[in-house]
Amino acid sequence: GFGDFGSALIITINDEGKIIGCVVAHTAHEKKGFSSVGDIN
């Protein structure tokens, strides 16, 4: 989430595979590691 492994996507799911958490940490972003749950499936 802090960029230690380059760009990253961290997804948290429940046991049915539904996404309940999403952290976007792309090296091209100024703000590192923001959360955006509703925009991904």
ModelCIF file with pLDDT and N, C-alpha, C, O atoms, coordinates in Angstrom:
data_MODEL
#
_entry.id   MODEL 
#
_entity.id                         1 
_entity.type                       polymer 
_entity.pdbx_number_of_molecules   1 
#
_entity_poly.entity_id                      1 
_entity_poly.type                           'polypeptide(L)' 
_entity_poly.nstd_linkage                   no 
_entity_poly.nstd_monomer                   no 
_entity_poly.pdbx_seq_one_letter_code       GFGDFGSALIITINDEGKIIGCVVAHTAHEKKGFSSVGDIN 
_entity_poly.pdbx_seq_one_letter_code_can   GFGDFGSALIITINDEGKIIGCVVAHTAHEKKGFSSVGDIN 
_entity_poly.pdbx_strand_id                 A 
#
loop_
_entity_poly_seq.entity_id 
_entity_poly_seq.num 
_entity_poly_seq.mon_id 
_entity_poly_seq.hetero 
1 1  GLY n 
1 2  PHE n 
1 3  GLY n 
1 4  ASP n 
1 5  PHE n 
1 6  GLY n 
1 7  SER n 
1 8  ALA n 
1 9  LEU n 
1 10 ILE n 
1 11 ILE n 
1 12 THR n 
1 13 ILE n 
1 14 ASN n 
1 15 ASP n 
1 16 GLU n 
1 17 GLY n 
1 18 LYS n 
1 19 ILE n 
1 20 ILE n 
1 21 GLY n 
1 22 CYS n 
1 23 VAL n 
1 24 VAL n 
1 25 ALA n 
1 26 HIS n 
1 27 THR n 
1 28 ALA n 
1 29 HIS n 
1 30 GLU n 
1 31 LYS n 
1 32 LYS n 
1 33 GLY n 
1 34 PHE n 
1 35 SER n 
1 36 SER n 
1 37 VAL n 
1 38 GLY n 
1 39 ASP n 
1 40 ILE n 
1 41 ASN n 
#
_struct_asym.id          A 
_struct_asym.entity_id   1 
#
loop_
_ma_qa_metric.id 
_ma_qa_metric.mode 
_ma_qa_metric.name 
_ma_qa_metric.software_group_id 
_ma_qa_metric.type 
1 global pLDDT . pLDDT 
2 local  pLDDT . pLDDT 
#
_ma_qa_metric_global.metric_id      1 
_ma_qa_metric_global.metric_value   93.49 
_ma_qa_metric_global.model_id       1 
_ma_qa_metric_global.ordinal_id     1 
#
loop_
_ma_qa_metric_local.label_asym_id 
_ma_qa_metric_local.label_comp_id 
_ma_qa_metric_local.label_seq_id 
_ma_qa_metric_local.metric_id 
_ma_qa_metric_local.metric_value 
_ma_qa_metric_local.model_id 
_ma_qa_metric_local.ordinal_id 
A GLY 1  2 94.00 1 1  
A PHE 2  2 92.00 1 2  
A GLY 3  2 93.00 1 3  
A ASP 4  2 96.00 1 4  
A PHE 5  2 98.00 1 5  
A GLY 6  2 97.00 1 6  
A SER 7  2 98.00 1 7  
A ALA 8  2 98.00 1 8  
A LEU 9  2 98.00 1 9  
A ILE 10 2 98.00 1 10 
A ILE 11 2 98.00 1 11 
A THR 12 2 98.00 1 12 
A ILE 13 2 98.00 1 13 
A ASN 14 2 96.00 1 14 
A ASP 15 2 89.00 1 15 
A GLU 16 2 93.00 1 16 
A GLY 17 2 95.00 1 17 
A LYS 18 2 96.00 1 18 
A ILE 19 2 97.00 1 19 
A ILE 20 2 96.00 1 20 
A GLY 21 2 96.00 1 21 
A CYS 22 2 96.00 1 22 
A VAL 23 2 96.00 1 23 
A VAL 24 2 97.00 1 24 
A ALA 25 2 97.00 1 25 
A HIS 26 2 97.00 1 26 
A THR 27 2 96.00 1 27 
A ALA 28 2 96.00 1 28 
A HIS 29 2 95.00 1 29 
A GLU 30 2 89.00 1 30 
A LYS 31 2 79.00 1 31 
A LYS 32 2 77.00 1 32 
A GLY 33 2 88.00 1 33 
A PHE 34 2 93.00 1 34 
A SER 35 2 92.00 1 35 
A SER 36 2 90.00 1 36 
A VAL 37 2 82.00 1 37 
A GLY 38 2 80.00 1 38 
A ASP 39 2 87.00 1 39 
A ILE 40 2 96.00 1 40 
A ASN 41 2 96.00 1 41 
#
loop_
_atom_site.group_PDB 
_atom_site.id 
_atom_site.type_symbol 
_atom_site.label_atom_id 
_atom_site.label_alt_id 
_atom_site.label_comp_id 
_atom_site.label_asym_id 
_atom_site.label_entity_id 
_atom_site.label_seq_id 
_atom_site.pdbx_PDB_ins_code 
_atom_site.Cartn_x 
_atom_site.Cartn_y 
_atom_site.Cartn_z 
_atom_site.occupancy 
_atom_site.B_iso_or_equiv 
_atom_site.pdbx_formal_charge 
_atom_site.auth_seq_id 
_atom_site.auth_comp_id 
_atom_site.auth_asym_id 
_atom_site.auth_atom_id 
_atom_site.pdbx_PDB_model_num 
ATOM 1   N N  . GLY A 1 1  ? 0.800   -1.221  0.000   1.00 94.00 ? 1  GLY A N  1 
ATOM 2   C CA . GLY A 1 1  ? 0.000   0.000   0.000   1.00 94.00 ? 1  GLY A CA 1 
ATOM 3   C C  . GLY A 1 1  ? 0.832   1.269   0.000   1.00 94.00 ? 1  GLY A C  1 
ATOM 4   O O  . GLY A 1 1  ? 0.349   2.335   -0.380  1.00 94.00 ? 1  GLY A O  1 
ATOM 5   N N  . PHE A 1 2  ? 2.088   1.154   0.429   1.00 92.00 ? 2  PHE A N  1 
ATOM 6   C CA . PHE A 1 2  ? 3.005   2.300   0.446   1.00 92.00 ? 2  PHE A CA 1 
ATOM 7   C C  . PHE A 1 2  ? 3.980   2.287   -0.730  1.00 92.00 ? 2  PHE A C  1 
ATOM 8   O O  . PHE A 1 2  ? 4.896   3.108   -0.791  1.00 92.00 ? 2  PHE A O  1 
ATOM 9   N N  . GLY A 1 3  ? 3.780   1.350   -1.667  1.00 93.00 ? 3  GLY A N  1 
ATOM 10  C CA . GLY A 1 3  ? 4.599   1.313   -2.870  1.00 93.00 ? 3  GLY A CA 1 
ATOM 11  C C  . GLY A 1 3  ? 5.897   0.547   -2.753  1.00 93.00 ? 3  GLY A C  1 
ATOM 12  O O  . GLY A 1 3  ? 6.749   0.659   -3.634  1.00 93.00 ? 3  GLY A O  1 
ATOM 13  N N  . ASP A 1 4  ? 6.083   -0.234  -1.689  1.00 96.00 ? 4  ASP A N  1 
ATOM 14  C CA . ASP A 1 4  ? 7.339   -0.961  -1.502  1.00 96.00 ? 4  ASP A CA 1 
ATOM 15  C C  . ASP A 1 4  ? 7.575   -2.049  -2.554  1.00 96.00 ? 4  ASP A C  1 
ATOM 16  O O  . ASP A 1 4  ? 8.705   -2.512  -2.711  1.00 96.00 ? 4  ASP A O  1 
ATOM 17  N N  . PHE A 1 5  ? 6.534   -2.461  -3.274  1.00 98.00 ? 5  PHE A N  1 
ATOM 18  C CA . PHE A 1 5  ? 6.670   -3.503  -4.289  1.00 98.00 ? 5  PHE A CA 1 
ATOM 19  C C  . PHE A 1 5  ? 6.217   -2.988  -5.654  1.00 98.00 ? 5  PHE A C  1 
ATOM 20  O O  . PHE A 1 5  ? 5.667   -3.737  -6.462  1.00 98.00 ? 5  PHE A O  1 
ATOM 21  N N  . GLY A 1 6  ? 6.455   -1.701  -5.898  1.00 97.00 ? 6  GLY A N  1 
ATOM 22  C CA . GLY A 1 6  ? 5.997   -1.084  -7.138  1.00 97.00 ? 6  GLY A CA 1 
ATOM 23  C C  . GLY A 1 6  ? 4.494   -0.835  -7.054  1.00 97.00 ? 6  GLY A C  1 
ATOM 24  O O  . GLY A 1 6  ? 3.940   -0.690  -5.964  1.00 97.00 ? 6  GLY A O  1 
ATOM 25  N N  . SER A 1 7  ? 3.854   -0.787  -8.188  1.00 98.00 ? 7  SER A N  1 
ATOM 26  C CA . SER A 1 7  ? 2.404   -0.612  -8.201  1.00 98.00 ? 7  SER A CA 1 
ATOM 27  C C  . SER A 1 7  ? 1.734   -1.832  -7.577  1.00 98.00 ? 7  SER A C  1 
ATOM 28  O O  . SER A 1 7  ? 2.220   -2.957  -7.696  1.00 98.00 ? 7  SER A O  1 
ATOM 29  N N  . ALA A 1 8  ? 0.607   -1.584  -6.908  1.00 98.00 ? 8  ALA A N  1 
ATOM 30  C CA . ALA A 1 8  ? -0.069  -2.681  -6.218  1.00 98.00 ? 8  ALA A CA 1 
ATOM 31  C C  . ALA A 1 8  ? -1.573  -2.449  -6.187  1.00 98.00 ? 8  ALA A C  1 
ATOM 32  O O  . ALA A 1 8  ? -2.061  -1.321  -6.253  1.00 98.00 ? 8  ALA A O  1 
ATOM 33  N N  . LEU A 1 9  ? -2.282  -3.561  -6.085  1.00 98.00 ? 9  LEU A N  1 
ATOM 34  C CA . LEU A 1 9  ? -3.725  -3.558  -5.894  1.00 98.00 ? 9  LEU A CA 1 
ATOM 35  C C  . LEU A 1 9  ? -3.997  -4.518  -4.754  1.00 98.00 ? 9  LEU A C  1 
ATOM 36  O O  . LEU A 1 9  ? -3.617  -5.687  -4.817  1.00 98.00 ? 9  LEU A O  1 
ATOM 37  N N  . ILE A 1 10 ? -4.657  -4.028  -3.704  1.00 98.00 ? 10 ILE A N  1 
ATOM 38  C CA . ILE A 1 10 ? -4.929  -4.861  -2.529  1.00 98.00 ? 10 ILE A CA 1 
ATOM 39  C C  . ILE A 1 10 ? -6.437  -4.989  -2.402  1.00 98.00 ? 10 ILE A C  1 
ATOM 40  O O  . ILE A 1 10 ? -7.146  -4.006  -2.185  1.00 98.00 ? 10 ILE A O  1 
ATOM 41  N N  . ILE A 1 11 ? -6.913  -6.219  -2.541  1.00 98.00 ? 11 ILE A N  1 
ATOM 42  C CA . ILE A 1 11 ? -8.341  -6.498  -2.554  1.00 98.00 ? 11 ILE A CA 1 
ATOM 43  C C  . ILE A 1 11 ? -8.695  -7.359  -1.343  1.00 98.00 ? 11 ILE A C  1 
ATOM 44  O O  . ILE A 1 11 ? -8.024  -8.353  -1.065  1.00 98.00 ? 11 ILE A O  1 
ATOM 45  N N  . THR A 1 12 ? -9.744  -6.976  -0.629  1.00 98.00 ? 12 THR A N  1 
ATOM 46  C CA . THR A 1 12 ? -10.261 -7.796  0.464   1.00 98.00 ? 12 THR A CA 1 
ATOM 47  C C  . THR A 1 12 ? -11.612 -8.329  0.023   1.00 98.00 ? 12 THR A C  1 
ATOM 48  O O  . THR A 1 12 ? -12.470 -7.577  -0.439  1.00 98.00 ? 12 THR A O  1 
ATOM 49  N N  . ILE A 1 13 ? -11.794 -9.656  0.173   1.00 98.00 ? 13 ILE A N  1 
ATOM 50  C CA . ILE A 1 13 ? -13.045 -10.289 -0.238  1.00 98.00 ? 13 ILE A CA 1 
ATOM 51  C C  . ILE A 1 13 ? -13.644 -11.078 0.919   1.00 98.00 ? 13 ILE A C  1 
ATOM 52  O O  . ILE A 1 13 ? -12.947 -11.435 1.869   1.00 98.00 ? 13 ILE A O  1 
ATOM 53  N N  . ASN A 1 14 ? -14.943 -11.345 0.828   1.00 96.00 ? 14 ASN A N  1 
ATOM 54  C CA . ASN A 1 14 ? -15.558 -12.270 1.774   1.00 96.00 ? 14 ASN A CA 1 
ATOM 55  C C  . ASN A 1 14 ? -15.421 -13.681 1.200   1.00 96.00 ? 14 ASN A C  1 
ATOM 56  O O  . ASN A 1 14 ? -14.848 -13.854 0.125   1.00 96.00 ? 14 ASN A O  1 
ATOM 57  N N  . ASP A 1 15 ? -15.930 -14.673 1.890   1.00 89.00 ? 15 ASP A N  1 
ATOM 58  C CA . ASP A 1 15 ? -15.740 -16.053 1.453   1.00 89.00 ? 15 ASP A CA 1 
ATOM 59  C C  . ASP A 1 15 ? -16.520 -16.401 0.178   1.00 89.00 ? 15 ASP A C  1 
ATOM 60  O O  . ASP A 1 15 ? -16.326 -17.476 -0.390  1.00 89.00 ? 15 ASP A O  1 
ATOM 61  N N  . GLU A 1 16 ? -17.388 -15.510 -0.268  1.00 93.00 ? 16 GLU A N  1 
ATOM 62  C CA . GLU A 1 16 ? -18.122 -15.723 -1.520  1.00 93.00 ? 16 GLU A CA 1 
ATOM 63  C C  . GLU A 1 16 ? -17.465 -15.008 -2.697  1.00 93.00 ? 16 GLU A C  1 
ATOM 64  O O  . GLU A 1 16 ? -17.943 -15.111 -3.827  1.00 93.00 ? 16 GLU A O  1 
ATOM 65  N N  . GLY A 1 17 ? -16.382 -14.288 -2.444  1.00 95.00 ? 17 GLY A N  1 
ATOM 66  C CA . GLY A 1 17 ? -15.672 -13.588 -3.498  1.00 95.00 ? 17 GLY A CA 1 
ATOM 67  C C  . GLY A 1 17 ? -16.133 -12.158 -3.725  1.00 95.00 ? 17 GLY A C  1 
ATOM 68  O O  . GLY A 1 17 ? -15.684 -11.507 -4.668  1.00 95.00 ? 17 GLY A O  1 
ATOM 69  N N  . LYS A 1 18 ? -17.024 -11.661 -2.873  1.00 96.00 ? 18 LYS A N  1 
ATOM 70  C CA . LYS A 1 18 ? -17.482 -10.276 -3.011  1.00 96.00 ? 18 LYS A CA 1 
ATOM 71  C C  . LYS A 1 18 ? -16.413 -9.338  -2.462  1.00 96.00 ? 18 LYS A C  1 
ATOM 72  O O  . LYS A 1 18 ? -15.896 -9.546  -1.364  1.00 96.00 ? 18 LYS A O  1 
ATOM 73  N N  . ILE A 1 19 ? -16.088 -8.303  -3.234  1.00 97.00 ? 19 ILE A N  1 
ATOM 74  C CA . ILE A 1 19 ? -15.073 -7.339  -2.817  1.00 97.00 ? 19 ILE A CA 1 
ATOM 75  C C  . ILE A 1 19 ? -15.652 -6.421  -1.746  1.00 97.00 ? 19 ILE A C  1 
ATOM 76  O O  . ILE A 1 19 ? -16.677 -5.770  -1.943  1.00 97.00 ? 19 ILE A O  1 
ATOM 77  N N  . ILE A 1 20 ? -14.959 -6.389  -0.600  1.00 96.00 ? 20 ILE A N  1 
ATOM 78  C CA . ILE A 1 20 ? -15.392 -5.517  0.501   1.00 96.00 ? 20 ILE A CA 1 
ATOM 79  C C  . ILE A 1 20 ? -14.317 -4.482  0.854   1.00 96.00 ? 20 ILE A C  1 
ATOM 80  O O  . ILE A 1 20 ? -14.521 -3.642  1.730   1.00 96.00 ? 20 ILE A O  1 
ATOM 81  N N  . GLY A 1 21 ? -13.179 -4.551  0.167   1.00 96.00 ? 21 GLY A N  1 
ATOM 82  C CA . GLY A 1 21 ? -12.109 -3.581  0.372   1.00 96.00 ? 21 GLY A CA 1 
ATOM 83  C C  . GLY A 1 21 ? -11.206 -3.522  -0.837  1.00 96.00 ? 21 GLY A C  1 
ATOM 84  O O  . GLY A 1 21 ? -10.919 -4.547  -1.456  1.00 96.00 ? 21 GLY A O  1 
ATOM 85  N N  . CYS A 1 22 ? -10.754 -2.322  -1.178  1.00 96.00 ? 22 CYS A N  1 
ATOM 86  C CA . CYS A 1 22 ? -9.878  -2.147  -2.339  1.00 96.00 ? 22 CYS A CA 1 
ATOM 87  C C  . CYS A 1 22 ? -8.945  -0.976  -2.075  1.00 96.00 ? 22 CYS A C  1 
ATOM 88  O O  . CYS A 1 22 ? -9.394  0.138   -1.808  1.00 96.00 ? 22 CYS A O  1 
ATOM 89  N N  . VAL A 1 23 ? -7.637  -1.235  -2.150  1.00 96.00 ? 23 VAL A N  1 
ATOM 90  C CA . VAL A 1 23 ? -6.635  -0.184  -2.046  1.00 96.00 ? 23 VAL A CA 1 
ATOM 91  C C  . VAL A 1 23 ? -5.879  -0.154  -3.369  1.00 96.00 ? 23 VAL A C  1 
ATOM 92  O O  . VAL A 1 23 ? -5.344  -1.166  -3.823  1.00 96.00 ? 23 VAL A O  1 
ATOM 93  N N  . VAL A 1 24 ? -5.847  1.024   -3.972  1.00 97.00 ? 24 VAL A N  1 
ATOM 94  C CA . VAL A 1 24 ? -5.155  1.231   -5.243  1.00 97.00 ? 24 VAL A CA 1 
ATOM 95  C C  . VAL A 1 24 ? -3.862  1.978   -4.937  1.00 97.00 ? 24 VAL A C  1 
ATOM 96  O O  . VAL A 1 24 ? -3.897  3.087   -4.402  1.00 97.00 ? 24 VAL A O  1 
ATOM 97  N N  . ALA A 1 25 ? -2.719  1.374   -5.275  1.00 97.00 ? 25 ALA A N  1 
ATOM 98  C CA . ALA A 1 25 ? -1.413  1.993   -5.017  1.00 97.00 ? 25 ALA A CA 1 
ATOM 99  C C  . ALA A 1 25 ? -0.588  1.915   -6.293  1.00 97.00 ? 25 ALA A C  1 
ATOM 100 O O  . ALA A 1 25 ? 0.256   1.032   -6.444  1.00 97.00 ? 25 ALA A O  1 
ATOM 101 N N  . HIS A 1 26 ? -0.836  2.833   -7.199  1.00 97.00 ? 26 HIS A N  1 
ATOM 102 C CA . HIS A 1 26 ? -0.143  2.853   -8.488  1.00 97.00 ? 26 HIS A CA 1 
ATOM 103 C C  . HIS A 1 26 ? 0.993   3.883   -8.433  1.00 97.00 ? 26 HIS A C  1 
ATOM 104 O O  . HIS A 1 26 ? 0.814   4.976   -7.896  1.00 97.00 ? 26 HIS A O  1 
ATOM 105 N N  . THR A 1 27 ? 2.137   3.542   -8.979  1.00 96.00 ? 27 THR A N  1 
ATOM 106 C CA . THR A 1 27 ? 3.291   4.445   -8.932  1.00 96.00 ? 27 THR A CA 1 
ATOM 107 C C  . THR A 1 27 ? 3.063   5.745   -9.694  1.00 96.00 ? 27 THR A C  1 
ATOM 108 O O  . THR A 1 27 ? 3.766   6.726   -9.453  1.00 96.00 ? 27 THR A O  1 
ATOM 109 N N  . ALA A 1 28 ? 2.101   5.773   -10.603 1.00 96.00 ? 28 ALA A N  1 
ATOM 110 C CA . ALA A 1 28 ? 1.808   6.992   -11.359 1.00 96.00 ? 28 ALA A CA 1 
ATOM 111 C C  . ALA A 1 28 ? 0.905   7.955   -10.585 1.00 96.00 ? 28 ALA A C  1 
ATOM 112 O O  . ALA A 1 28 ? 0.678   9.081   -11.027 1.00 96.00 ? 28 ALA A O  1 
ATOM 113 N N  . HIS A 1 29 ? 0.392   7.520   -9.440  1.00 95.00 ? 29 HIS A N  1 
ATOM 114 C CA . HIS A 1 29 ? -0.483  8.377   -8.632  1.00 95.00 ? 29 HIS A CA 1 
ATOM 115 C C  . HIS A 1 29 ? 0.321   9.221   -7.650  1.00 95.00 ? 29 HIS A C  1 
ATOM 116 O O  . HIS A 1 29 ? 1.300   8.754   -7.068  1.00 95.00 ? 29 HIS A O  1 
ATOM 117 N N  . GLU A 1 30 ? -0.100  10.449  -7.477  1.00 89.00 ? 30 GLU A N  1 
ATOM 118 C CA . GLU A 1 30 ? 0.539   11.327  -6.490  1.00 89.00 ? 30 GLU A CA 1 
ATOM 119 C C  . GLU A 1 30 ? 0.191   10.880  -5.081  1.00 89.00 ? 30 GLU A C  1 
ATOM 120 O O  . GLU A 1 30 ? 1.055   10.850  -4.205  1.00 89.00 ? 30 GLU A O  1 
ATOM 121 N N  . LYS A 1 31 ? -1.067  10.535  -4.860  1.00 79.00 ? 31 LYS A N  1 
ATOM 122 C CA . LYS A 1 31 ? -1.518  10.067  -3.542  1.00 79.00 ? 31 LYS A CA 1 
ATOM 123 C C  . LYS A 1 31 ? -1.380  8.552   -3.523  1.00 79.00 ? 31 LYS A C  1 
ATOM 124 O O  . LYS A 1 31 ? -1.986  7.852   -4.335  1.00 79.00 ? 31 LYS A O  1 
ATOM 125 N N  . LYS A 1 32 ? -0.589  8.061   -2.604  1.00 77.00 ? 32 LYS A N  1 
ATOM 126 C CA . LYS A 1 32 ? -0.321  6.628   -2.536  1.00 77.00 ? 32 LYS A CA 1 
ATOM 127 C C  . LYS A 1 32 ? -1.374  5.901   -1.715  1.00 77.00 ? 32 LYS A C  1 
ATOM 128 O O  . LYS A 1 32 ? -1.756  6.347   -0.633  1.00 77.00 ? 32 LYS A O  1 
ATOM 129 N N  . GLY A 1 33 ? -1.828  4.796   -2.235  1.00 88.00 ? 33 GLY A N  1 
ATOM 130 C CA . GLY A 1 33 ? -2.676  3.892   -1.483  1.00 88.00 ? 33 GLY A CA 1 
ATOM 131 C C  . GLY A 1 33 ? -4.033  4.426   -1.088  1.00 88.00 ? 33 GLY A C  1 
ATOM 132 O O  . GLY A 1 33 ? -4.344  4.477   0.102   1.00 88.00 ? 33 GLY A O  1 
ATOM 133 N N  . PHE A 1 34 ? -4.853  4.826   -2.047  1.00 93.00 ? 34 PHE A N  1 
ATOM 134 C CA . PHE A 1 34 ? -6.200  5.266   -1.687  1.00 93.00 ? 34 PHE A CA 1 
ATOM 135 C C  . PHE A 1 34 ? -7.188  4.118   -1.791  1.00 93.00 ? 34 PHE A C  1 
ATOM 136 O O  . PHE A 1 34 ? -6.962  3.152   -2.521  1.00 93.00 ? 34 PHE A O  1 
ATOM 137 N N  . SER A 1 35 ? -8.278  4.232   -1.058  1.00 92.00 ? 35 SER A N  1 
ATOM 138 C CA . SER A 1 35 ? -9.307  3.206   -1.011  1.00 92.00 ? 35 SER A CA 1 
ATOM 139 C C  . SER A 1 35 ? -10.467 3.583   -1.923  1.00 92.00 ? 35 SER A C  1 
ATOM 140 O O  . SER A 1 35 ? -10.883 4.741   -1.973  1.00 92.00 ? 35 SER A O  1 
ATOM 141 N N  . SER A 1 36 ? -10.983 2.593   -2.644  1.00 90.00 ? 36 SER A N  1 
ATOM 142 C CA . SER A 1 36 ? -12.108 2.821   -3.546  1.00 90.00 ? 36 SER A CA 1 
ATOM 143 C C  . SER A 1 36 ? -12.863 1.515   -3.733  1.00 90.00 ? 36 SER A C  1 
ATOM 144 O O  . SER A 1 36 ? -12.538 0.736   -4.629  1.00 90.00 ? 36 SER A O  1 
ATOM 145 N N  . VAL A 1 37 ? -13.859 1.270   -2.904  1.00 82.00 ? 37 VAL A N  1 
ATOM 146 C CA . VAL A 1 37 ? -14.560 -0.009  -2.905  1.00 82.00 ? 37 VAL A CA 1 
ATOM 147 C C  . VAL A 1 37 ? -15.645 -0.115  -3.969  1.00 82.00 ? 37 VAL A C  1 
ATOM 148 O O  . VAL A 1 37 ? -15.755 -1.154  -4.621  1.00 82.00 ? 37 VAL A O  1 
ATOM 149 N N  . GLY A 1 38 ? -16.437 0.908   -4.162  1.00 80.00 ? 38 GLY A N  1 
ATOM 150 C CA . GLY A 1 38 ? -17.613 0.795   -5.017  1.00 80.00 ? 38 GLY A CA 1 
ATOM 151 C C  . GLY A 1 38 ? -17.355 0.741   -6.500  1.00 80.00 ? 38 GLY A C  1 
ATOM 152 O O  . GLY A 1 38 ? -18.285 0.496   -7.268  1.00 80.00 ? 38 GLY A O  1 
ATOM 153 N N  . ASP A 1 39 ? -16.120 0.962   -6.938  1.00 87.00 ? 39 ASP A N  1 
ATOM 154 C CA . ASP A 1 39 ? -15.826 1.070   -8.360  1.00 87.00 ? 39 ASP A CA 1 
ATOM 155 C C  . ASP A 1 39 ? -15.228 -0.184  -8.978  1.00 87.00 ? 39 ASP A C  1 
ATOM 156 O O  . ASP A 1 39 ? -14.759 -0.141  -10.115 1.00 87.00 ? 39 ASP A O  1 
ATOM 157 N N  . ILE A 1 40 ? -15.233 -1.292  -8.260  1.00 96.00 ? 40 ILE A N  1 
ATOM 158 C CA . ILE A 1 40 ? -14.549 -2.496  -8.731  1.00 96.00 ? 40 ILE A CA 1 
ATOM 159 C C  . ILE A 1 40 ? -15.368 -3.725  -8.352  1.00 96.00 ? 40 ILE A C  1 
ATOM 160 O O  . ILE A 1 40 ? -15.992 -3.765  -7.292  1.00 96.00 ? 40 ILE A O  1 
ATOM 161 N N  . ASN A 1 41 ? -15.358 -4.732  -9.237  1.00 96.00 ? 41 ASN A N  1 
ATOM 162 C CA . ASN A 1 41 ? -16.168 -5.937  -9.001  1.00 96.00 ? 41 ASN A CA 1 
ATOM 163 C C  . ASN A 1 41 ? -15.386 -7.202  -9.322  1.00 96.00 ? 41 ASN A C  1 
ATOM 164 O O  . ASN A 1 41 ? -15.912 -8.306  -9.181  1.00 96.00 ? 41 ASN A O  1 
#
